[in-house]
Amino acid sequence: MKFNEKLKLMREKNSYTIKQVAKAARVRVKTMEKYESGIEIPKLKTIIKIAEFYGFSTAELFQTAMTEVTEITEAMKKGADTE
C-alpha cells in the first residue's frame, strides 16, 4: 500500500476529518490533501506527528514513506538511464 493511501485509509477508518489530522500534524489542510493524494510526501517531523496522532509506531509509518521514496528514486534513475 502506498503511503498516501495508508494516510487516507487511517483517517477514514478512524472517522477523522482531514482538518483534524492536519491540525494534529501542524500543517495546512491543503498540505494534508497533497499528502493523501500522493502529490507530496511529508517531512519526517510531520510523519512523527501523524503517527503519534493515530497511536502508531513511527517506524511503521516512516518505513512506508521511505519505501515509496526509494521506488520513486529508482524509477527516476531508470528514466535517466534511458535518455
N, C-alpha and C. Protein backbone atom coordinates (compact mmCIF):
# COMPACT_ATOMS: atom_id res chain seq x y z
N MET A 1 0.85 -1.18 0.00
CA MET A 1 0.00 0.00 0.00
C MET A 1 0.90 1.24 0.00
N LYS A 2 0.55 2.20 -0.84
CA LYS A 2 1.32 3.43 -0.91
C LYS A 2 1.07 4.28 0.33
N PHE A 3 2.05 5.14 0.60
CA PHE A 3 1.98 5.99 1.79
C PHE A 3 0.72 6.85 1.80
N ASN A 4 0.43 7.48 0.67
CA ASN A 4 -0.75 8.36 0.63
C ASN A 4 -2.04 7.56 0.86
N GLU A 5 -2.09 6.36 0.34
CA GLU A 5 -3.27 5.52 0.53
C GLU A 5 -3.42 5.13 2.00
N LYS A 6 -2.30 4.87 2.65
CA LYS A 6 -2.31 4.50 4.07
C LYS A 6 -2.80 5.68 4.91
N LEU A 7 -2.33 6.89 4.58
CA LEU A 7 -2.78 8.07 5.32
C LEU A 7 -4.29 8.24 5.23
N LYS A 8 -4.80 8.14 4.02
CA LYS A 8 -6.24 8.32 3.82
C LYS A 8 -7.04 7.22 4.50
N LEU A 9 -6.57 5.99 4.37
CA LEU A 9 -7.26 4.86 4.99
C LEU A 9 -7.31 5.01 6.52
N MET A 10 -6.20 5.41 7.12
CA MET A 10 -6.16 5.60 8.58
C MET A 10 -7.15 6.67 9.00
N ARG A 11 -7.19 7.75 8.24
CA ARG A 11 -8.11 8.84 8.58
C ARG A 11 -9.56 8.40 8.47
N GLU A 12 -9.89 7.76 7.37
CA GLU A 12 -11.27 7.33 7.17
C GLU A 12 -11.68 6.24 8.15
N LYS A 13 -10.78 5.32 8.41
CA LYS A 13 -11.07 4.21 9.34
C LYS A 13 -11.36 4.74 10.75
N ASN A 14 -10.70 5.83 11.12
CA ASN A 14 -10.89 6.42 12.44
C ASN A 14 -11.92 7.55 12.46
N SER A 15 -12.58 7.76 11.33
CA SER A 15 -13.63 8.78 11.19
C SER A 15 -13.17 10.20 11.53
N TYR A 16 -11.94 10.51 11.14
CA TYR A 16 -11.42 11.87 11.31
C TYR A 16 -11.61 12.65 10.03
N THR A 17 -11.74 13.96 10.19
CA THR A 17 -11.75 14.83 9.02
C THR A 17 -10.31 15.15 8.65
N ILE A 18 -10.11 15.57 7.44
CA ILE A 18 -8.78 15.95 7.01
C ILE A 18 -8.29 17.15 7.82
N LYS A 19 -9.22 18.00 8.22
CA LYS A 19 -8.89 19.17 9.04
C LYS A 19 -8.34 18.75 10.41
N GLN A 20 -8.93 17.73 11.02
CA GLN A 20 -8.47 17.25 12.32
C GLN A 20 -7.04 16.70 12.23
N VAL A 21 -6.78 15.93 11.20
CA VAL A 21 -5.45 15.34 11.04
C VAL A 21 -4.43 16.42 10.72
N ALA A 22 -4.81 17.36 9.87
CA ALA A 22 -3.91 18.46 9.51
C ALA A 22 -3.54 19.27 10.76
N LYS A 23 -4.52 19.52 11.60
CA LYS A 23 -4.26 20.28 12.83
C LYS A 23 -3.29 19.52 13.74
N ALA A 24 -3.49 18.23 13.89
CA ALA A 24 -2.60 17.41 14.73
C ALA A 24 -1.18 17.37 14.16
N ALA A 25 -1.08 17.36 12.84
CA ALA A 25 0.23 17.30 12.18
C ALA A 25 0.86 18.69 12.04
N ARG A 26 0.09 19.71 12.40
CA ARG A 26 0.53 21.10 12.30
C ARG A 26 0.89 21.51 10.87
N VAL A 27 0.00 21.11 9.95
CA VAL A 27 0.14 21.52 8.55
C VAL A 27 -1.20 22.06 8.09
N ARG A 28 -1.20 22.72 6.96
CA ARG A 28 -2.44 23.23 6.39
C ARG A 28 -3.26 22.09 5.81
N VAL A 29 -4.55 22.31 5.71
CA VAL A 29 -5.45 21.31 5.14
C VAL A 29 -5.02 20.98 3.71
N LYS A 30 -4.69 22.00 2.93
CA LYS A 30 -4.24 21.79 1.54
C LYS A 30 -3.00 20.90 1.49
N THR A 31 -2.11 21.08 2.45
CA THR A 31 -0.90 20.25 2.50
C THR A 31 -1.26 18.80 2.80
N MET A 32 -2.16 18.59 3.75
CA MET A 32 -2.60 17.23 4.08
C MET A 32 -3.29 16.60 2.88
N GLU A 33 -4.05 17.39 2.14
CA GLU A 33 -4.70 16.87 0.93
C GLU A 33 -3.65 16.41 -0.08
N LYS A 34 -2.55 17.15 -0.18
CA LYS A 34 -1.46 16.76 -1.09
C LYS A 34 -0.81 15.46 -0.63
N TYR A 35 -0.67 15.30 0.68
CA TYR A 35 -0.11 14.04 1.20
C TYR A 35 -1.02 12.87 0.84
N GLU A 36 -2.32 13.05 1.05
CA GLU A 36 -3.27 11.97 0.80
C GLU A 36 -3.43 11.66 -0.69
N SER A 37 -3.21 12.65 -1.53
CA SER A 37 -3.35 12.41 -2.97
C SER A 37 -2.05 11.91 -3.60
N GLY A 38 -0.97 11.93 -2.82
CA GLY A 38 0.31 11.44 -3.33
C GLY A 38 1.13 12.49 -4.07
N ILE A 39 0.69 13.74 -4.02
CA ILE A 39 1.43 14.81 -4.69
C ILE A 39 2.71 15.14 -3.92
N GLU A 40 2.63 15.07 -2.59
CA GLU A 40 3.79 15.34 -1.73
C GLU A 40 3.91 14.25 -0.68
N ILE A 41 5.13 14.08 -0.18
CA ILE A 41 5.38 13.18 0.94
C ILE A 41 5.83 14.04 2.10
N PRO A 42 5.25 13.84 3.28
CA PRO A 42 5.58 14.70 4.42
C PRO A 42 7.02 14.54 4.89
N LYS A 43 7.49 15.59 5.54
CA LYS A 43 8.81 15.56 6.17
C LYS A 43 8.75 14.62 7.37
N LEU A 44 9.92 14.20 7.82
CA LEU A 44 9.99 13.25 8.93
C LEU A 44 9.26 13.76 10.17
N LYS A 45 9.44 15.03 10.52
CA LYS A 45 8.77 15.55 11.72
C LYS A 45 7.26 15.47 11.60
N THR A 46 6.74 15.64 10.38
CA THR A 46 5.30 15.54 10.16
C THR A 46 4.84 14.09 10.25
N ILE A 47 5.64 13.18 9.73
CA ILE A 47 5.32 11.75 9.82
C ILE A 47 5.24 11.35 11.30
N ILE A 48 6.16 11.85 12.10
CA ILE A 48 6.16 11.54 13.53
C ILE A 48 4.88 12.06 14.19
N LYS A 49 4.48 13.28 13.86
CA LYS A 49 3.25 13.85 14.44
C LYS A 49 2.01 13.06 14.03
N ILE A 50 1.97 12.64 12.77
CA ILE A 50 0.84 11.85 12.29
C ILE A 50 0.78 10.50 13.00
N ALA A 51 1.93 9.85 13.12
CA ALA A 51 1.99 8.56 13.81
C ALA A 51 1.53 8.70 15.26
N GLU A 52 1.99 9.73 15.93
CA GLU A 52 1.58 9.96 17.32
C GLU A 52 0.08 10.21 17.42
N PHE A 53 -0.46 10.95 16.47
CA PHE A 53 -1.89 11.24 16.47
C PHE A 53 -2.72 9.96 16.40
N TYR A 54 -2.29 9.03 15.57
CA TYR A 54 -3.02 7.77 15.41
C TYR A 54 -2.61 6.71 16.43
N GLY A 55 -1.55 6.97 17.18
CA GLY A 55 -1.08 5.99 18.16
C GLY A 55 -0.33 4.84 17.51
N PHE A 56 0.23 5.09 16.31
CA PHE A 56 1.00 4.07 15.61
C PHE A 56 2.48 4.25 15.87
N SER A 57 3.21 3.22 15.58
CA SER A 57 4.65 3.31 15.67
C SER A 57 5.15 4.19 14.53
N THR A 58 6.03 5.10 14.87
CA THR A 58 6.63 5.97 13.85
C THR A 58 7.37 5.13 12.83
N ALA A 59 8.01 4.08 13.27
CA ALA A 59 8.78 3.22 12.38
C ALA A 59 7.90 2.64 11.28
N GLU A 60 6.71 2.21 11.63
CA GLU A 60 5.80 1.62 10.65
C GLU A 60 5.41 2.64 9.57
N LEU A 61 5.01 3.82 10.01
CA LEU A 61 4.59 4.85 9.07
C LEU A 61 5.78 5.36 8.26
N PHE A 62 6.92 5.54 8.92
CA PHE A 62 8.12 6.03 8.24
C PHE A 62 8.60 5.02 7.21
N GLN A 63 8.56 3.74 7.53
CA GLN A 63 9.01 2.71 6.59
C GLN A 63 8.17 2.73 5.31
N THR A 64 6.89 2.93 5.47
CA THR A 64 6.01 3.02 4.30
C THR A 64 6.42 4.20 3.42
N ALA A 65 6.68 5.35 4.04
CA ALA A 65 7.10 6.54 3.28
C ALA A 65 8.44 6.32 2.61
N MET A 66 9.39 5.73 3.32
CA MET A 66 10.74 5.52 2.76
C MET A 66 10.72 4.53 1.61
N THR A 67 9.88 3.52 1.69
CA THR A 67 9.76 2.56 0.60
C THR A 67 9.28 3.28 -0.66
N GLU A 68 8.33 4.16 -0.49
CA GLU A 68 7.81 4.90 -1.64
C GLU A 68 8.86 5.85 -2.21
N VAL A 69 9.61 6.53 -1.35
CA VAL A 69 10.67 7.42 -1.82
C VAL A 69 11.71 6.63 -2.61
N THR A 70 12.07 5.46 -2.12
CA THR A 70 13.04 4.61 -2.80
C THR A 70 12.52 4.20 -4.18
N GLU A 71 11.26 3.81 -4.26
CA GLU A 71 10.67 3.41 -5.54
C GLU A 71 10.66 4.57 -6.53
N ILE A 72 10.34 5.76 -6.07
CA ILE A 72 10.33 6.93 -6.94
C ILE A 72 11.74 7.24 -7.43
N THR A 73 12.70 7.20 -6.51
CA THR A 73 14.09 7.47 -6.86
C THR A 73 14.61 6.49 -7.89
N GLU A 74 14.31 5.21 -7.71
CA GLU A 74 14.75 4.18 -8.65
C GLU A 74 14.11 4.38 -10.02
N ALA A 75 12.84 4.74 -10.04
CA ALA A 75 12.15 4.98 -11.31
C ALA A 75 12.76 6.18 -12.03
N MET A 76 13.12 7.20 -11.27
CA MET A 76 13.76 8.38 -11.88
C MET A 76 15.13 8.02 -12.46
N LYS A 77 15.87 7.19 -11.75
CA LYS A 77 17.18 6.75 -12.24
C LYS A 77 17.05 5.96 -13.53
N LYS A 78 16.06 5.07 -13.57
CA LYS A 78 15.84 4.28 -14.79
C LYS A 78 15.48 5.17 -15.96
N GLY A 79 14.68 6.19 -15.69
CA GLY A 79 14.31 7.13 -16.74
C GLY A 79 15.51 7.90 -17.24
N ALA A 80 16.43 8.25 -16.36
CA ALA A 80 17.64 8.98 -16.75
C ALA A 80 18.58 8.08 -17.53
N ASP A 81 18.59 6.79 -17.21
CA ASP A 81 19.47 5.84 -17.89
C ASP A 81 19.03 5.59 -19.34
N THR A 82 17.75 5.78 -19.62
CA THR A 82 17.26 5.50 -20.97
C THR A 82 17.38 6.71 -21.90
N GLU A 83 17.75 7.85 -21.35
CA GLU A 83 17.88 9.05 -22.19
C GLU A 83 19.22 9.12 -22.86
